[in-house]
Amino acid sequence: MAKKNFKEVTRKDEEFEQRVIDLARVTRVMAGGKRMKFRACLAIGDRKGRVGFGVAKGADVTAAVTKALNKAKKNLIKVTLINETIPHEVKVKFKSAKVILKPAQKGNGVKAGGPVRILCELAGISNITAKILGSGNKINNVKAVMIALQSFKHSKKADKLMKEEAVLENKETNTAQAPKSEKAKEEKKSFKEKIKNLITKTKEDK
């Protein structure tokens, strides 16, 4: 039974890609002296709209990363994507960090740096323009980006655009299938003509 549970957990972990955003050594002054620990900021995502992050401390790097990974799994959010980009422009301020996210056309790519780029790639956003203002604190920047990505959750405009995208995809598939069906008809017609000619030849020979 224990082996079965272990296999299920590992299969679930493989769904998400992990990226370490920040790793730092921190100290805390106690009564007996300084206590040193490691702090890890880690992001996970499936590149299909789900992304999360976690911050944790540990006695060593491995412990800190493991704790951060467990927290990231609990903080997963679903990002609304339209044509591999965000529905609309958004500006978010978290403490001293300011983040601006703008949708981009297909082929533009991810024009962003640092934590914003990592989170966008893990969420599955292929086309976006982003800018970080005000602070160089990576953890605050990550939190600001997560708030921005979560803000699309209940957008009516996003729902409308998603419906339009689905209609366009159906049209594209129909137009792509049309020439194939015509080609198949032509091949069938030529095959019938070949059989007809063959029958007439055999009759004439007799």
C-alpha atoms as a PDB file:
ATOM      1  CA  MET A   1       0.000   0.000   0.000  1.00  0.00           C
ATOM      2  CA  ALA A   2       2.875   2.331   0.871  1.00  0.00           C
ATOM      3  CA  LYS A   3       4.509   1.714  -2.527  1.00  0.00           C
ATOM      4  CA  LYS A   4       1.279   2.574  -4.361  1.00  0.00           C
ATOM      5  CA  ASN A   5       0.939   5.891  -2.495  1.00  0.00           C
ATOM      6  CA  PHE A   6       4.577   6.746  -3.241  1.00  0.00           C
ATOM      7  CA  LYS A   7       4.044   6.144  -6.987  1.00  0.00           C
ATOM      8  CA  GLU A   8       0.951   8.363  -7.029  1.00  0.00           C
ATOM      9  CA  VAL A   9       2.845  11.221  -5.351  1.00  0.00           C
ATOM     10  CA  THR A  10       5.790  11.039  -7.774  1.00  0.00           C
ATOM     11  CA  ARG A  11       3.440  11.000 -10.790  1.00  0.00           C
ATOM     12  CA  LYS A  12       1.726  14.138  -9.476  1.00  0.00           C
ATOM     13  CA  ASP A  13       5.091  15.894  -8.958  1.00  0.00           C
ATOM     14  CA  GLU A  14       6.104  15.212 -12.570  1.00  0.00           C
ATOM     15  CA  GLU A  15       3.174  17.340 -13.815  1.00  0.00           C
ATOM     16  CA  PHE A  16       4.890  20.545 -12.687  1.00  0.00           C
ATOM     17  CA  GLU A  17       8.128  22.149 -13.767  1.00  0.00           C
ATOM     18  CA  GLN A  18      10.200  23.682 -10.936  1.00  0.00           C
ATOM     19  CA  ARG A  19      12.324  26.841 -11.089  1.00  0.00           C
ATOM     20  CA  VAL A  20      14.256  28.429  -8.205  1.00  0.00           C
ATOM     21  CA  ILE A  21      13.751  32.204  -8.291  1.00  0.00           C
ATOM     22  CA  ASP A  22      15.894  33.193  -5.316  1.00  0.00           C
ATOM     23  CA  LEU A  23      18.195  31.441  -2.863  1.00  0.00           C
ATOM     24  CA  ALA A  24      19.738  33.401   0.007  1.00  0.00           C
ATOM     25  CA  ARG A  25      21.495  32.850   3.318  1.00  0.00           C
ATOM     26  CA  VAL A  26      19.773  34.639   6.190  1.00  0.00           C
ATOM     27  CA  THR A  27      20.808  35.104   9.826  1.00  0.00           C
ATOM     28  CA  ARG A  28      18.749  35.709  12.923  1.00  0.00           C
ATOM     29  CA  VAL A  29      20.238  37.193  16.081  1.00  0.00           C
ATOM     30  CA  MET A  30      19.227  35.129  19.116  1.00  0.00           C
ATOM     31  CA  ALA A  31      20.109  35.404  22.806  1.00  0.00           C
ATOM     32  CA  GLY A  32      22.800  32.739  22.398  1.00  0.00           C
ATOM     33  CA  GLY A  33      24.213  34.249  19.192  1.00  0.00           C
ATOM     34  CA  LYS A  34      23.472  34.251  15.459  1.00  0.00           C
ATOM     35  CA  ARG A  35      21.446  31.478  13.846  1.00  0.00           C
ATOM     36  CA  MET A  36      22.072  30.916  10.143  1.00  0.00           C
ATOM     37  CA  LYS A  37      19.462  29.503   7.750  1.00  0.00           C
ATOM     38  CA  PHE A  38      18.790  29.316   4.019  1.00  0.00           C
ATOM     39  CA  ARG A  39      15.751  30.900   2.359  1.00  0.00           C
ATOM     40  CA  ALA A  40      14.402  29.588  -0.958  1.00  0.00           C
ATOM     41  CA  CYS A  41      11.829  31.154  -3.270  1.00  0.00           C
ATOM     42  CA  LEU A  42      10.578  28.583  -5.776  1.00  0.00           C
ATOM     43  CA  ALA A  43       7.950  28.605  -8.544  1.00  0.00           C
ATOM     44  CA  ILE A  44       6.147  25.671 -10.188  1.00  0.00           C
ATOM     45  CA  GLY A  45       3.873  25.407 -13.215  1.00  0.00           C
ATOM     46  CA  ASP A  46       2.467  23.012 -15.800  1.00  0.00           C
ATOM     47  CA  ARG A  47       2.711  25.453 -18.777  1.00  0.00           C
ATOM     48  CA  LYS A  48      -1.055  25.005 -19.241  1.00  0.00           C
ATOM     49  CA  GLY A  49      -2.357  27.849 -17.066  1.00  0.00           C
ATOM     50  CA  ARG A  50      -1.466  26.649 -13.573  1.00  0.00           C
ATOM     51  CA  VAL A  51       1.328  28.326 -11.606  1.00  0.00           C
ATOM     52  CA  GLY A  52       2.309  28.706  -7.953  1.00  0.00           C
ATOM     53  CA  PHE A  53       5.144  29.859  -5.727  1.00  0.00           C
ATOM     54  CA  GLY A  54       6.445  29.248  -2.221  1.00  0.00           C
ATOM     55  CA  VAL A  55       8.971  30.819   0.155  1.00  0.00           C
ATOM     56  CA  ALA A  56      10.513  28.804   2.996  1.00  0.00           C
ATOM     57  CA  LYS A  57      13.552  28.606   5.270  1.00  0.00           C
ATOM     58  CA  GLY A  58      15.612  25.578   6.191  1.00  0.00           C
ATOM     59  CA  ALA A  59      18.791  24.493   7.942  1.00  0.00           C
ATOM     60  CA  ASP A  60      20.297  23.664   4.528  1.00  0.00           C
ATOM     61  CA  VAL A  61      19.500  24.373   0.876  1.00  0.00           C
ATOM     62  CA  THR A  62      17.734  21.033   0.277  1.00  0.00           C
ATOM     63  CA  ALA A  63      15.418  21.502   3.264  1.00  0.00           C
ATOM     64  CA  ALA A  64      14.562  25.063   2.222  1.00  0.00           C
ATOM     65  CA  VAL A  65      13.794  24.049  -1.388  1.00  0.00           C
ATOM     66  CA  THR A  66      11.648  21.069  -0.278  1.00  0.00           C
ATOM     67  CA  LYS A  67       9.585  23.262   2.073  1.00  0.00           C
ATOM     68  CA  ALA A  68       9.197  25.934  -0.621  1.00  0.00           C
ATOM     69  CA  LEU A  69       8.025  23.280  -3.116  1.00  0.00           C
ATOM     70  CA  ASN A  70       5.331  22.032  -0.720  1.00  0.00           C
ATOM     71  CA  LYS A  71       4.129  25.611  -0.166  1.00  0.00           C
ATOM     72  CA  ALA A  72       4.084  26.279  -3.926  1.00  0.00           C
ATOM     73  CA  LYS A  73       1.763  23.287  -4.460  1.00  0.00           C
ATOM     74  CA  LYS A  74      -0.663  24.749  -1.921  1.00  0.00           C
ATOM     75  CA  ASN A  75      -0.558  28.207  -3.559  1.00  0.00           C
ATOM     76  CA  LEU A  76      -1.430  27.119  -7.117  1.00  0.00           C
ATOM     77  CA  ILE A  77      -3.606  29.473  -9.176  1.00  0.00           C
ATOM     78  CA  LYS A  78      -5.321  29.136 -12.567  1.00  0.00           C
ATOM     79  CA  VAL A  79      -4.400  31.820 -15.116  1.00  0.00           C
ATOM     80  CA  THR A  80      -6.821  32.801 -17.891  1.00  0.00           C
ATOM     81  CA  LEU A  81      -5.038  32.533 -21.259  1.00  0.00           C
ATOM     82  CA  ILE A  82      -6.259  33.734 -24.672  1.00  0.00           C
ATOM     83  CA  ASN A  83      -4.124  32.931 -27.730  1.00  0.00           C
ATOM     84  CA  GLU A  84      -1.180  32.151 -25.401  1.00  0.00           C
ATOM     85  CA  THR A  85      -1.324  35.636 -23.825  1.00  0.00           C
ATOM     86  CA  ILE A  86      -3.235  37.488 -21.083  1.00  0.00           C
ATOM     87  CA  PRO A  87      -6.735  38.951 -21.717  1.00  0.00           C
ATOM     88  CA  HIS A  88      -5.864  42.611 -21.065  1.00  0.00           C
ATOM     89  CA  GLU A  89      -3.324  45.013 -19.566  1.00  0.00           C
ATOM     90  CA  VAL A  90      -2.982  45.067 -15.786  1.00  0.00           C
ATOM     91  CA  LYS A  91      -1.022  47.166 -13.276  1.00  0.00           C
ATOM     92  CA  VAL A  92      -0.410  45.921  -9.733  1.00  0.00           C
ATOM     93  CA  LYS A  93       1.394  47.402  -6.745  1.00  0.00           C
ATOM     94  CA  PHE A  94       2.519  45.249  -3.822  1.00  0.00           C
ATOM     95  CA  LYS A  95       4.419  47.152  -1.123  1.00  0.00           C
ATOM     96  CA  SER A  96       7.200  48.949  -3.053  1.00  0.00           C
ATOM     97  CA  ALA A  97       7.005  46.657  -6.112  1.00  0.00           C
ATOM     98  CA  LYS A  98       5.058  47.727  -9.205  1.00  0.00           C
ATOM     99  CA  VAL A  99       4.350  45.374 -12.099  1.00  0.00           C
ATOM    100  CA  ILE A 100       2.843  46.153 -15.514  1.00  0.00           C
ATOM    101  CA  LEU A 101       1.688  43.263 -17.720  1.00  0.00           C
ATOM    102  CA  LYS A 102       0.556  43.837 -21.315  1.00  0.00           C
ATOM    103  CA  PRO A 103      -0.839  41.295 -23.805  1.00  0.00           C
ATOM    104  CA  ALA A 104       1.152  40.736 -27.007  1.00  0.00           C
ATOM    105  CA  GLN A 105       0.498  39.309 -30.465  1.00  0.00           C
ATOM    106  CA  LYS A 106       1.486  35.797 -31.486  1.00  0.00           C
ATOM    107  CA  GLY A 107       5.189  35.565 -32.280  1.00  0.00           C
ATOM    108  CA  ASN A 108       6.143  38.441 -29.982  1.00  0.00           C
ATOM    109  CA  GLY A 109       7.540  36.136 -27.276  1.00  0.00           C
ATOM    110  CA  VAL A 110       8.049  36.844 -23.580  1.00  0.00           C
ATOM    111  CA  LYS A 111       9.564  40.309 -23.238  1.00  0.00           C
ATOM    112  CA  ALA A 112      10.254  40.288 -19.518  1.00  0.00           C
ATOM    113  CA  GLY A 113      13.068  39.558 -17.130  1.00  0.00           C
ATOM    114  CA  GLY A 114      13.710  38.072 -13.720  1.00  0.00           C
ATOM    115  CA  PRO A 115      10.826  36.553 -11.737  1.00  0.00           C
ATOM    116  CA  VAL A 116       8.186  37.813 -14.204  1.00  0.00           C
ATOM    117  CA  ARG A 117       9.692  35.801 -17.058  1.00  0.00           C
ATOM    118  CA  ILE A 118       9.921  32.631 -14.950  1.00  0.00           C
ATOM    119  CA  LEU A 119       6.292  32.844 -13.765  1.00  0.00           C
ATOM    120  CA  CYS A 120       4.960  33.661 -17.249  1.00  0.00           C
ATOM    121  CA  GLU A 121       6.818  30.741 -18.851  1.00  0.00           C
ATOM    122  CA  LEU A 122       5.658  28.302 -16.156  1.00  0.00           C
ATOM    123  CA  ALA A 123       2.061  29.516 -16.560  1.00  0.00           C
ATOM    124  CA  GLY A 124       2.212  28.849 -20.306  1.00  0.00           C
ATOM    125  CA  ILE A 125       2.173  32.491 -21.455  1.00  0.00           C
ATOM    126  CA  SER A 126       4.126  32.604 -24.728  1.00  0.00           C
ATOM    127  CA  ASN A 127       3.462  36.237 -25.731  1.00  0.00           C
ATOM    128  CA  ILE A 128       3.593  39.067 -23.190  1.00  0.00           C
ATOM    129  CA  THR A 129       5.333  42.361 -22.420  1.00  0.00           C
ATOM    130  CA  ALA A 130       6.090  43.054 -18.754  1.00  0.00           C
ATOM    131  CA  LYS A 131       7.905  45.653 -16.710  1.00  0.00           C
ATOM    132  CA  ILE A 132       8.995  45.799 -13.046  1.00  0.00           C
ATOM    133  CA  LEU A 133       9.186  49.206 -11.350  1.00  0.00           C
ATOM    134  CA  GLY A 134      10.044  50.481  -7.888  1.00  0.00           C
ATOM    135  CA  SER A 135      11.761  47.525  -6.219  1.00  0.00           C
ATOM    136  CA  GLY A 136      14.434  44.929  -6.855  1.00  0.00           C
ATOM    137  CA  ASN A 137      13.111  42.618  -4.132  1.00  0.00           C
ATOM    138  CA  LYS A 138      12.440  39.340  -5.960  1.00  0.00           C
ATOM    139  CA  ILE A 139       9.916  38.014  -3.440  1.00  0.00           C
ATOM    140  CA  ASN A 140       7.809  41.203  -3.561  1.00  0.00           C
ATOM    141  CA  ASN A 141       7.995  41.169  -7.365  1.00  0.00           C
ATOM    142  CA  VAL A 142       6.806  37.540  -7.444  1.00  0.00           C
ATOM    143  CA  LYS A 143       3.859  38.352  -5.168  1.00  0.00           C
ATOM    144  CA  ALA A 144       2.916  41.339  -7.349  1.00  0.00           C
ATOM    145  CA  VAL A 145       2.987  39.183 -10.510  1.00  0.00           C
ATOM    146  CA  MET A 146       0.896  36.456  -8.852  1.00  0.00           C
ATOM    147  CA  ILE A 147      -1.734  39.044  -7.815  1.00  0.00           C
ATOM    148  CA  ALA A 148      -1.772  40.365 -11.398  1.00  0.00           C
ATOM    149  CA  LEU A 149      -2.172  36.892 -12.942  1.00  0.00           C
ATOM    150  CA  GLN A 150      -4.923  36.006 -10.471  1.00  0.00           C
ATOM    151  CA  SER A 151      -6.874  39.187 -11.300  1.00  0.00           C
ATOM    152  CA  PHE A 152      -8.000  37.706 -14.661  1.00  0.00           C
ATOM    153  CA  LYS A 153      -9.943  34.946 -12.911  1.00  0.00           C
ATOM    154  CA  HIS A 154     -13.399  36.608 -12.910  1.00  0.00           C
ATOM    155  CA  SER A 155     -13.048  38.797 -16.000  1.00  0.00           C
ATOM    156  CA  LYS A 156     -16.179  38.944 -18.228  1.00  0.00           C
ATOM    157  CA  LYS A 157     -14.068  40.315 -21.072  1.00  0.00           C
ATOM    158  CA  ALA A 158     -11.816  37.258 -20.831  1.00  0.00           C
ATOM    159  CA  ASP A 159     -14.802  34.889 -21.042  1.00  0.00           C
ATOM    160  CA  LYS A 160     -16.080  36.706 -24.146  1.00  0.00           C
ATOM    161  CA  LEU A 161     -12.672  36.559 -25.840  1.00  0.00           C
ATOM    162  CA  MET A 162     -12.298  32.866 -24.991  1.00  0.00           C
ATOM    163  CA  LYS A 163     -15.652  32.140 -26.699  1.00  0.00           C
ATOM    164  CA  GLU A 164     -14.554  34.123 -29.775  1.00  0.00           C
ATOM    165  CA  GLU A 165     -11.272  32.180 -29.838  1.00  0.00           C
ATOM    166  CA  ALA A 166     -13.159  28.856 -29.736  1.00  0.00           C
ATOM    167  CA  VAL A 167     -15.361  29.959 -32.687  1.00  0.00           C
ATOM    168  CA  LEU A 168     -12.281  30.982 -34.709  1.00  0.00           C
ATOM    169  CA  GLU A 169     -10.575  27.647 -33.976  1.00  0.00           C
ATOM    170  CA  ASN A 170     -13.644  25.767 -35.230  1.00  0.00           C
ATOM    171  CA  LYS A 171     -13.657  27.826 -38.444  1.00  0.00           C
ATOM    172  CA  GLU A 172      -9.947  27.164 -38.983  1.00  0.00           C
ATOM    173  CA  THR A 173     -10.384  23.416 -38.540  1.00  0.00           C
ATOM    174  CA  ASN A 174     -13.339  23.388 -40.963  1.00  0.00           C
ATOM    175  CA  THR A 175     -11.389  25.313 -43.625  1.00  0.00           C
ATOM    176  CA  ALA A 176      -8.389  23.025 -43.128  1.00  0.00           C
ATOM    177  CA  GLN A 177     -10.531  19.933 -43.546  1.00  0.00           C
ATOM    178  CA  ALA A 178     -12.396  21.248 -46.649  1.00  0.00           C
ATOM    179  CA  PRO A 179      -9.577  20.814 -49.204  1.00  0.00           C
ATOM    180  CA  LYS A 180      -8.862  17.340 -47.823  1.00  0.00           C
ATOM    181  CA  SER A 181     -12.467  16.233 -48.383  1.00  0.00           C
ATOM    182  CA  GLU A 182     -12.461  17.640 -51.958  1.00  0.00           C
ATOM    183  CA  LYS A 183      -9.201  15.853 -52.685  1.00  0.00           C
ATOM    184  CA  ALA A 184     -10.666  12.621 -51.350  1.00  0.00           C
ATOM    185  CA  LYS A 185     -13.714  13.066 -53.616  1.00  0.00           C
ATOM    186  CA  GLU A 186     -11.495  13.642 -56.664  1.00  0.00           C
ATOM    187  CA  GLU A 187      -9.424  10.547 -55.862  1.00  0.00           C
ATOM    188  CA  LYS A 188     -12.598   8.495 -55.456  1.00  0.00           C
ATOM    189  CA  LYS A 189     -13.940   9.808 -58.792  1.00  0.00           C
ATOM    190  CA  SER A 190     -10.718   9.003 -60.662  1.00  0.00           C
ATOM    191  CA  PHE A 191     -10.670   5.532 -59.104  1.00  0.00           C
ATOM    192  CA  LYS A 192     -14.236   4.889 -60.319  1.00  0.00           C
ATOM    193  CA  GLU A 193     -13.313   6.074 -63.820  1.00  0.00           C
ATOM    194  CA  LYS A 194     -10.328   3.710 -63.890  1.00  0.00           C
ATOM    195  CA  ILE A 195     -12.569   0.774 -62.949  1.00  0.00           C
ATOM    196  CA  LYS A 196     -15.106   1.804 -65.628  1.00  0.00           C
ATOM    197  CA  ASN A 197     -12.411   1.956 -68.319  1.00  0.00           C
ATOM    198  CA  LEU A 198     -11.073  -1.412 -67.239  1.00  0.00           C
ATOM    199  CA  ILE A 199     -14.557  -3.000 -67.542  1.00  0.00           C
ATOM    200  CA  THR A 200     -15.095  -1.539 -71.037  1.00  0.00           C
ATOM    201  CA  LYS A 201     -11.696  -2.848 -72.199  1.00  0.00           C
ATOM    202  CA  THR A 202     -12.443  -6.368 -70.977  1.00  0.00           C
ATOM    203  CA  LYS A 203     -15.803  -6.302 -72.819  1.00  0.00           C
ATOM    204  CA  GLU A 204     -14.167  -5.180 -76.067  1.00  0.00           C
ATOM    205  CA  ASP A 205     -11.537  -7.940 -75.814  1.00  0.00           C
ATOM    206  CA  LYS A 206     -14.269 -10.557 -75.503  1.00  0.00           C
END
